[in-house]
Amino acid sequence: MAITLYGRGPSSCTRRAALILVEKGVPFELVDLNTAAAEHKSLEFLTKQPFGQIPVLDDDGFLLYESRAIGRYIAEKYANHGPALIPTNLKAKALFEQAASVEVANFDNLASRAVKEVIGKKRQGLAPDQDRYNAIYADLSAKLDAYEAIRGLNGTIWAILSKQKYLAGDEITLADLFHLPIGSMLITITCDVFSKRPHVSSSRPSWQSIKESAKSTA
């Protein structure tokens, strides 16, 4: 039975879960909810997700919500499909969990606030507060500099991606992919957020596929 993903095509959290399914080559059906009509707050949907949030994964009756939990579930269930995405070696897995924590604490928190300040307010017909956005973006830039490269007082350069290809090592993991939905929205606000940091990239075939499919449900 095919996996069903309840969500909304343009939603960053829905896209995060869908991205892992595409990366793993797992067929699924997206049930596109009309969030403007509050379908995600209906009594029927609340039996699947008690907080009335998207996405929700239905794997032959097994229900799971929270996009990162969905990503971990798919990565482990289909461990032999495509890239592993979660290491099994103890130390490599510890580095993965470290990178996953970095994404939540140091990237998503600030990037989501920046996106909500500009894109979220515009969708509501409100004017963004440019000073507030600039303050958030300054904090985020400092975090992204730690990804890219920092020059120490003695002239040495140290940073995560100056030493390895991906956040947890030289193999891609969920931690890298989790950045892409909000990261791509951030680019539409500040186009050089990643281009001026050559080690930080959002280019991935699975992600291009997700972006194209989202356009049809916008």
C-alpha atoms as a PDB file:
ATOM      1  CA  MET A   1       0.000   0.000   0.000  1.00  0.00           C
ATOM      2  CA  ALA A   2       1.362   3.438  -0.955  1.00  0.00           C
ATOM      3  CA  ILE A   3       2.266   5.918   1.723  1.00  0.00           C
ATOM      4  CA  THR A   4      -0.042   8.909   2.109  1.00  0.00           C
ATOM      5  CA  LEU A   5       1.249  12.305   3.151  1.00  0.00           C
ATOM      6  CA  TYR A   6      -1.331  14.806   4.350  1.00  0.00           C
ATOM      7  CA  GLY A   7      -0.148  18.363   3.986  1.00  0.00           C
ATOM      8  CA  ARG A   8       0.070  21.329   1.680  1.00  0.00           C
ATOM      9  CA  GLY A   9       2.423  21.426  -1.287  1.00  0.00           C
ATOM     10  CA  PRO A  10       4.023  24.825  -0.608  1.00  0.00           C
ATOM     11  CA  SER A  11       4.277  24.211   3.162  1.00  0.00           C
ATOM     12  CA  SER A  12       7.899  24.043   4.312  1.00  0.00           C
ATOM     13  CA  CYS A  13       7.191  21.222   6.763  1.00  0.00           C
ATOM     14  CA  THR A  14       5.267  19.215   4.170  1.00  0.00           C
ATOM     15  CA  ARG A  15       8.102  19.721   1.721  1.00  0.00           C
ATOM     16  CA  ARG A  16      10.645  18.594   4.323  1.00  0.00           C
ATOM     17  CA  ALA A  17       8.838  15.260   4.743  1.00  0.00           C
ATOM     18  CA  ALA A  18       8.187  14.870   1.011  1.00  0.00           C
ATOM     19  CA  LEU A  19      11.839  15.569   0.253  1.00  0.00           C
ATOM     20  CA  ILE A  20      12.978  12.532   2.236  1.00  0.00           C
ATOM     21  CA  LEU A  21      10.432  10.314   0.490  1.00  0.00           C
ATOM     22  CA  VAL A  22      11.678  11.513  -2.915  1.00  0.00           C
ATOM     23  CA  GLU A  23      15.333  11.198  -1.869  1.00  0.00           C
ATOM     24  CA  LYS A  24      14.670   7.580  -0.887  1.00  0.00           C
ATOM     25  CA  GLY A  25      12.647   6.844  -4.012  1.00  0.00           C
ATOM     26  CA  VAL A  26       9.561   5.915  -1.985  1.00  0.00           C
ATOM     27  CA  PRO A  27       6.254   6.355  -3.852  1.00  0.00           C
ATOM     28  CA  PHE A  28       3.634   8.336  -1.967  1.00  0.00           C
ATOM     29  CA  GLU A  29       0.385  10.191  -2.461  1.00  0.00           C
ATOM     30  CA  LEU A  30       0.119  13.787  -1.308  1.00  0.00           C
ATOM     31  CA  VAL A  31      -3.322  14.660   0.010  1.00  0.00           C
ATOM     32  CA  ASP A  32      -3.313  18.422  -0.387  1.00  0.00           C
ATOM     33  CA  LEU A  33      -5.319  20.021   2.423  1.00  0.00           C
ATOM     34  CA  ASN A  34      -7.011  23.376   2.035  1.00  0.00           C
ATOM     35  CA  THR A  35      -5.459  25.088   5.031  1.00  0.00           C
ATOM     36  CA  ALA A  36      -7.164  28.377   4.118  1.00  0.00           C
ATOM     37  CA  ALA A  37     -10.451  26.595   4.750  1.00  0.00           C
ATOM     38  CA  ALA A  38      -9.003  25.101   7.967  1.00  0.00           C
ATOM     39  CA  GLU A  39      -9.245  21.502   6.774  1.00  0.00           C
ATOM     40  CA  HIS A  40      -6.293  20.740   9.056  1.00  0.00           C
ATOM     41  CA  LYS A  41      -8.408  21.871  12.017  1.00  0.00           C
ATOM     42  CA  SER A  42     -11.373  19.631  11.206  1.00  0.00           C
ATOM     43  CA  LEU A  43     -12.435  16.972  13.701  1.00  0.00           C
ATOM     44  CA  GLU A  44     -11.555  14.291  11.140  1.00  0.00           C
ATOM     45  CA  PHE A  45      -8.009  15.558  10.759  1.00  0.00           C
ATOM     46  CA  LEU A  46      -7.558  16.105  14.497  1.00  0.00           C
ATOM     47  CA  THR A  47      -7.918  12.348  14.957  1.00  0.00           C
ATOM     48  CA  LYS A  48      -4.720  12.070  12.904  1.00  0.00           C
ATOM     49  CA  GLN A  49      -2.896  15.103  14.322  1.00  0.00           C
ATOM     50  CA  PRO A  50      -4.188  16.407  17.672  1.00  0.00           C
ATOM     51  CA  PHE A  51      -2.514  19.808  17.226  1.00  0.00           C
ATOM     52  CA  GLY A  52      -4.118  20.402  13.823  1.00  0.00           C
ATOM     53  CA  GLN A  53      -0.770  20.822  12.069  1.00  0.00           C
ATOM     54  CA  ILE A  54       0.750  19.449   8.874  1.00  0.00           C
ATOM     55  CA  PRO A  55       2.165  17.137   7.658  1.00  0.00           C
ATOM     56  CA  VAL A  56       0.940  13.724   8.745  1.00  0.00           C
ATOM     57  CA  LEU A  57       2.257  10.462   7.304  1.00  0.00           C
ATOM     58  CA  ASP A  58      -0.050   7.461   6.947  1.00  0.00           C
ATOM     59  CA  ASP A  59       1.925   4.281   6.315  1.00  0.00           C
ATOM     60  CA  ASP A  60      -0.747   1.598   5.957  1.00  0.00           C
ATOM     61  CA  GLY A  61      -2.536   2.807   9.071  1.00  0.00           C
ATOM     62  CA  PHE A  62       0.560   3.857  11.006  1.00  0.00           C
ATOM     63  CA  LEU A  63       0.189   7.590  11.623  1.00  0.00           C
ATOM     64  CA  LEU A  64       3.152   9.842  12.295  1.00  0.00           C
ATOM     65  CA  TYR A  65       3.451  13.615  12.494  1.00  0.00           C
ATOM     66  CA  GLU A  66       6.306  16.148  12.860  1.00  0.00           C
ATOM     67  CA  SER A  67       8.315  16.439   9.642  1.00  0.00           C
ATOM     68  CA  ARG A  68      11.686  15.556  11.164  1.00  0.00           C
ATOM     69  CA  ALA A  69      10.250  12.468  12.864  1.00  0.00           C
ATOM     70  CA  ILE A  70       8.755  11.463   9.521  1.00  0.00           C
ATOM     71  CA  GLY A  71      12.144  11.947   7.881  1.00  0.00           C
ATOM     72  CA  ARG A  72      13.862   9.729  10.439  1.00  0.00           C
ATOM     73  CA  TYR A  73      11.198   7.045  10.083  1.00  0.00           C
ATOM     74  CA  ILE A  74      11.477   6.927   6.300  1.00  0.00           C
ATOM     75  CA  ALA A  75      15.287   6.981   6.403  1.00  0.00           C
ATOM     76  CA  GLU A  76      15.386   4.001   8.764  1.00  0.00           C
ATOM     77  CA  LYS A  77      12.557   2.004   7.172  1.00  0.00           C
ATOM     78  CA  TYR A  78      14.124   2.381   3.729  1.00  0.00           C
ATOM     79  CA  ALA A  79      17.733   2.325   4.883  1.00  0.00           C
ATOM     80  CA  ASN A  80      18.802   0.334   1.802  1.00  0.00           C
ATOM     81  CA  HIS A  81      17.177   2.745  -0.650  1.00  0.00           C
ATOM     82  CA  GLY A  82      19.409   5.542  -1.911  1.00  0.00           C
ATOM     83  CA  PRO A  83      21.781   7.332   0.475  1.00  0.00           C
ATOM     84  CA  ALA A  84      21.639   6.124   4.079  1.00  0.00           C
ATOM     85  CA  LEU A  85      20.823   9.595   5.513  1.00  0.00           C
ATOM     86  CA  ILE A  86      21.271   8.285   9.087  1.00  0.00           C
ATOM     87  CA  PRO A  87      24.671   6.728   9.883  1.00  0.00           C
ATOM     88  CA  THR A  88      24.830   3.470  11.833  1.00  0.00           C
ATOM     89  CA  ASN A  89      28.377   3.792  13.180  1.00  0.00           C
ATOM     90  CA  LEU A  90      28.177   5.093  16.772  1.00  0.00           C
ATOM     91  CA  LYS A  91      30.451   8.115  16.342  1.00  0.00           C
ATOM     92  CA  ALA A  92      29.105   8.966  12.890  1.00  0.00           C
ATOM     93  CA  LYS A  93      25.552   8.823  14.244  1.00  0.00           C
ATOM     94  CA  ALA A  94      26.533  11.079  17.153  1.00  0.00           C
ATOM     95  CA  LEU A  95      27.874  13.615  14.648  1.00  0.00           C
ATOM     96  CA  PHE A  96      24.630  13.318  12.690  1.00  0.00           C
ATOM     97  CA  GLU A  97      22.561  14.005  15.809  1.00  0.00           C
ATOM     98  CA  GLN A  98      24.811  16.965  16.552  1.00  0.00           C
ATOM     99  CA  ALA A  99      24.206  18.333  13.039  1.00  0.00           C
ATOM    100  CA  ALA A 100      20.455  17.706  13.346  1.00  0.00           C
ATOM    101  CA  SER A 101      20.427  19.711  16.581  1.00  0.00           C
ATOM    102  CA  VAL A 102      22.359  22.515  14.867  1.00  0.00           C
ATOM    103  CA  GLU A 103      19.691  22.690  12.157  1.00  0.00           C
ATOM    104  CA  VAL A 104      16.891  23.099  14.705  1.00  0.00           C
ATOM    105  CA  ALA A 105      18.631  25.381  17.201  1.00  0.00           C
ATOM    106  CA  ASN A 106      20.937  27.499  15.058  1.00  0.00           C
ATOM    107  CA  PHE A 107      19.285  27.610  11.640  1.00  0.00           C
ATOM    108  CA  ASP A 108      15.564  26.869  11.559  1.00  0.00           C
ATOM    109  CA  ASN A 109      14.650  29.034  14.529  1.00  0.00           C
ATOM    110  CA  LEU A 110      16.121  32.167  12.966  1.00  0.00           C
ATOM    111  CA  ALA A 111      15.405  31.349   9.310  1.00  0.00           C
ATOM    112  CA  SER A 112      11.729  30.633  10.092  1.00  0.00           C
ATOM    113  CA  ARG A 113      11.402  33.922  11.971  1.00  0.00           C
ATOM    114  CA  ALA A 114      12.950  35.776   9.033  1.00  0.00           C
ATOM    115  CA  VAL A 115      10.597  34.110   6.537  1.00  0.00           C
ATOM    116  CA  LYS A 116       7.542  34.790   8.712  1.00  0.00           C
ATOM    117  CA  GLU A 117       8.518  38.432   9.116  1.00  0.00           C
ATOM    118  CA  VAL A 118       8.601  39.028   5.362  1.00  0.00           C
ATOM    119  CA  ILE A 119       6.716  36.311   3.466  1.00  0.00           C
ATOM    120  CA  GLY A 120       4.270  35.533   6.247  1.00  0.00           C
ATOM    121  CA  LYS A 121       3.286  39.169   6.751  1.00  0.00           C
ATOM    122  CA  LYS A 122       2.954  39.824   3.017  1.00  0.00           C
ATOM    123  CA  ARG A 123       0.574  36.870   2.726  1.00  0.00           C
ATOM    124  CA  GLN A 124      -1.536  38.501   5.426  1.00  0.00           C
ATOM    125  CA  GLY A 125      -1.486  41.830   3.641  1.00  0.00           C
ATOM    126  CA  LEU A 126       0.794  43.358   6.273  1.00  0.00           C
ATOM    127  CA  ALA A 127       4.001  45.326   5.855  1.00  0.00           C
ATOM    128  CA  PRO A 128       7.154  43.574   7.100  1.00  0.00           C
ATOM    129  CA  ASP A 129       9.194  45.301   9.778  1.00  0.00           C
ATOM    130  CA  GLN A 130      12.509  45.790   7.968  1.00  0.00           C
ATOM    131  CA  ASP A 131      14.425  46.606  11.136  1.00  0.00           C
ATOM    132  CA  ARG A 132      13.181  43.442  12.809  1.00  0.00           C
ATOM    133  CA  TYR A 133      14.091  41.390   9.738  1.00  0.00           C
ATOM    134  CA  ASN A 134      17.560  42.933   9.599  1.00  0.00           C
ATOM    135  CA  ALA A 135      18.167  42.035  13.253  1.00  0.00           C
ATOM    136  CA  ILE A 136      17.044  38.445  12.730  1.00  0.00           C
ATOM    137  CA  TYR A 137      19.098  38.162   9.551  1.00  0.00           C
ATOM    138  CA  ALA A 138      22.214  39.494  11.276  1.00  0.00           C
ATOM    139  CA  ASP A 139      21.917  36.740  13.898  1.00  0.00           C
ATOM    140  CA  LEU A 140      21.301  34.138  11.188  1.00  0.00           C
ATOM    141  CA  SER A 141      24.287  35.350   9.152  1.00  0.00           C
ATOM    142  CA  ALA A 142      26.552  34.796  12.130  1.00  0.00           C
ATOM    143  CA  LYS A 143      25.291  31.217  12.389  1.00  0.00           C
ATOM    144  CA  LEU A 144      25.801  30.606   8.664  1.00  0.00           C
ATOM    145  CA  ASP A 145      29.317  31.975   8.918  1.00  0.00           C
ATOM    146  CA  ALA A 146      30.045  29.164  11.362  1.00  0.00           C
ATOM    147  CA  TYR A 147      28.882  26.723   8.673  1.00  0.00           C
ATOM    148  CA  GLU A 148      31.099  28.332   6.059  1.00  0.00           C
ATOM    149  CA  ALA A 149      34.386  29.696   7.402  1.00  0.00           C
ATOM    150  CA  ILE A 150      35.650  31.786  10.281  1.00  0.00           C
ATOM    151  CA  ARG A 151      39.119  33.298  10.303  1.00  0.00           C
ATOM    152  CA  GLY A 152      40.767  33.034  13.686  1.00  0.00           C
ATOM    153  CA  LEU A 153      43.111  35.576  15.229  1.00  0.00           C
ATOM    154  CA  ASN A 154      46.131  33.571  14.101  1.00  0.00           C
ATOM    155  CA  GLY A 155      44.924  33.516  10.512  1.00  0.00           C
ATOM    156  CA  THR A 156      43.664  29.935  10.527  1.00  0.00           C
ATOM    157  CA  ILE A 157      40.261  29.179   9.010  1.00  0.00           C
ATOM    158  CA  TRP A 158      37.949  26.865  10.898  1.00  0.00           C
ATOM    159  CA  ALA A 159      34.308  25.995  10.298  1.00  0.00           C
ATOM    160  CA  ILE A 160      32.062  23.018   9.691  1.00  0.00           C
ATOM    161  CA  LEU A 161      31.973  23.015   5.885  1.00  0.00           C
ATOM    162  CA  SER A 162      35.545  24.125   5.368  1.00  0.00           C
ATOM    163  CA  LYS A 163      36.630  20.720   6.716  1.00  0.00           C
ATOM    164  CA  GLN A 164      34.006  18.360   5.292  1.00  0.00           C
ATOM    165  CA  LYS A 165      31.396  18.132   2.517  1.00  0.00           C
ATOM    166  CA  TYR A 166      28.303  17.995   4.717  1.00  0.00           C
ATOM    167  CA  LEU A 167      27.268  19.011   8.212  1.00  0.00           C
ATOM    168  CA  ALA A 168      27.860  15.584   9.763  1.00  0.00           C
ATOM    169  CA  GLY A 169      30.836  14.499   7.634  1.00  0.00           C
ATOM    170  CA  ASP A 170      31.499  13.600   4.033  1.00  0.00           C
ATOM    171  CA  GLU A 171      28.155  11.855   3.436  1.00  0.00           C
ATOM    172  CA  ILE A 172      24.824  13.630   3.157  1.00  0.00           C
ATOM    173  CA  THR A 173      22.371  13.096   6.021  1.00  0.00           C
ATOM    174  CA  LEU A 174      18.903  14.185   7.023  1.00  0.00           C
ATOM    175  CA  ALA A 175      20.467  17.152   8.803  1.00  0.00           C
ATOM    176  CA  ASP A 176      21.511  18.654   5.454  1.00  0.00           C
ATOM    177  CA  LEU A 177      18.190  17.986   3.765  1.00  0.00           C
ATOM    178  CA  PHE A 178      16.183  19.427   6.652  1.00  0.00           C
ATOM    179  CA  HIS A 179      17.625  22.877   5.836  1.00  0.00           C
ATOM    180  CA  LEU A 180      16.267  23.047   2.290  1.00  0.00           C
ATOM    181  CA  PRO A 181      12.577  24.045   2.619  1.00  0.00           C
ATOM    182  CA  ILE A 182      13.088  27.152   4.755  1.00  0.00           C
ATOM    183  CA  GLY A 183      16.453  27.840   3.107  1.00  0.00           C
ATOM    184  CA  SER A 184      14.867  28.074  -0.341  1.00  0.00           C
ATOM    185  CA  MET A 185      12.270  30.536   0.964  1.00  0.00           C
ATOM    186  CA  LEU A 186      15.000  32.620   2.542  1.00  0.00           C
ATOM    187  CA  ILE A 187      16.728  32.930  -0.838  1.00  0.00           C
ATOM    188  CA  THR A 188      13.639  34.669  -2.249  1.00  0.00           C
ATOM    189  CA  ILE A 189      14.057  37.379   0.410  1.00  0.00           C
ATOM    190  CA  THR A 190      17.852  37.740   0.467  1.00  0.00           C
ATOM    191  CA  CYS A 191      19.221  36.261  -2.746  1.00  0.00           C
ATOM    192  CA  ASP A 192      22.868  36.159  -1.701  1.00  0.00           C
ATOM    193  CA  VAL A 193      22.300  34.412   1.632  1.00  0.00           C
ATOM    194  CA  PHE A 194      23.927  31.252   0.290  1.00  0.00           C
ATOM    195  CA  SER A 195      25.645  32.396  -2.913  1.00  0.00           C
ATOM    196  CA  LYS A 196      28.224  34.363  -0.936  1.00  0.00           C
ATOM    197  CA  ARG A 197      28.907  31.234   1.097  1.00  0.00           C
ATOM    198  CA  PRO A 198      30.116  28.719  -1.539  1.00  0.00           C
ATOM    199  CA  HIS A 199      30.207  25.765   0.840  1.00  0.00           C
ATOM    200  CA  VAL A 200      26.509  26.166   1.664  1.00  0.00           C
ATOM    201  CA  SER A 201      24.392  24.918  -1.218  1.00  0.00           C
ATOM    202  CA  SER A 202      20.726  24.059  -1.789  1.00  0.00           C
ATOM    203  CA  SER A 203      21.241  22.158  -5.041  1.00  0.00           C
ATOM    204  CA  ARG A 204      19.884  18.599  -4.888  1.00  0.00           C
ATOM    205  CA  PRO A 205      17.901  16.743  -7.611  1.00  0.00           C
ATOM    206  CA  SER A 206      15.291  15.537  -5.095  1.00  0.00           C
ATOM    207  CA  TRP A 207      14.806  19.111  -3.921  1.00  0.00           C
ATOM    208  CA  GLN A 208      14.361  20.419  -7.457  1.00  0.00           C
ATOM    209  CA  SER A 209      11.635  17.792  -7.906  1.00  0.00           C
ATOM    210  CA  ILE A 210       9.870  18.909  -4.724  1.00  0.00           C
ATOM    211  CA  LYS A 211       9.985  22.560  -5.748  1.00  0.00           C
ATOM    212  CA  GLU A 212       8.452  21.800  -9.125  1.00  0.00           C
ATOM    213  CA  SER A 213       5.667  19.639  -7.663  1.00  0.00           C
ATOM    214  CA  ALA A 214       4.870  22.325  -5.078  1.00  0.00           C
ATOM    215  CA  LYS A 215       4.189  24.841  -7.831  1.00  0.00           C
ATOM    216  CA  SER A 216       1.233  22.767  -9.053  1.00  0.00           C
ATOM    217  CA  THR A 217      -0.411  22.874  -5.620  1.00  0.00           C
ATOM    218  CA  ALA A 218       0.298  26.523  -4.795  1.00  0.00           C
END
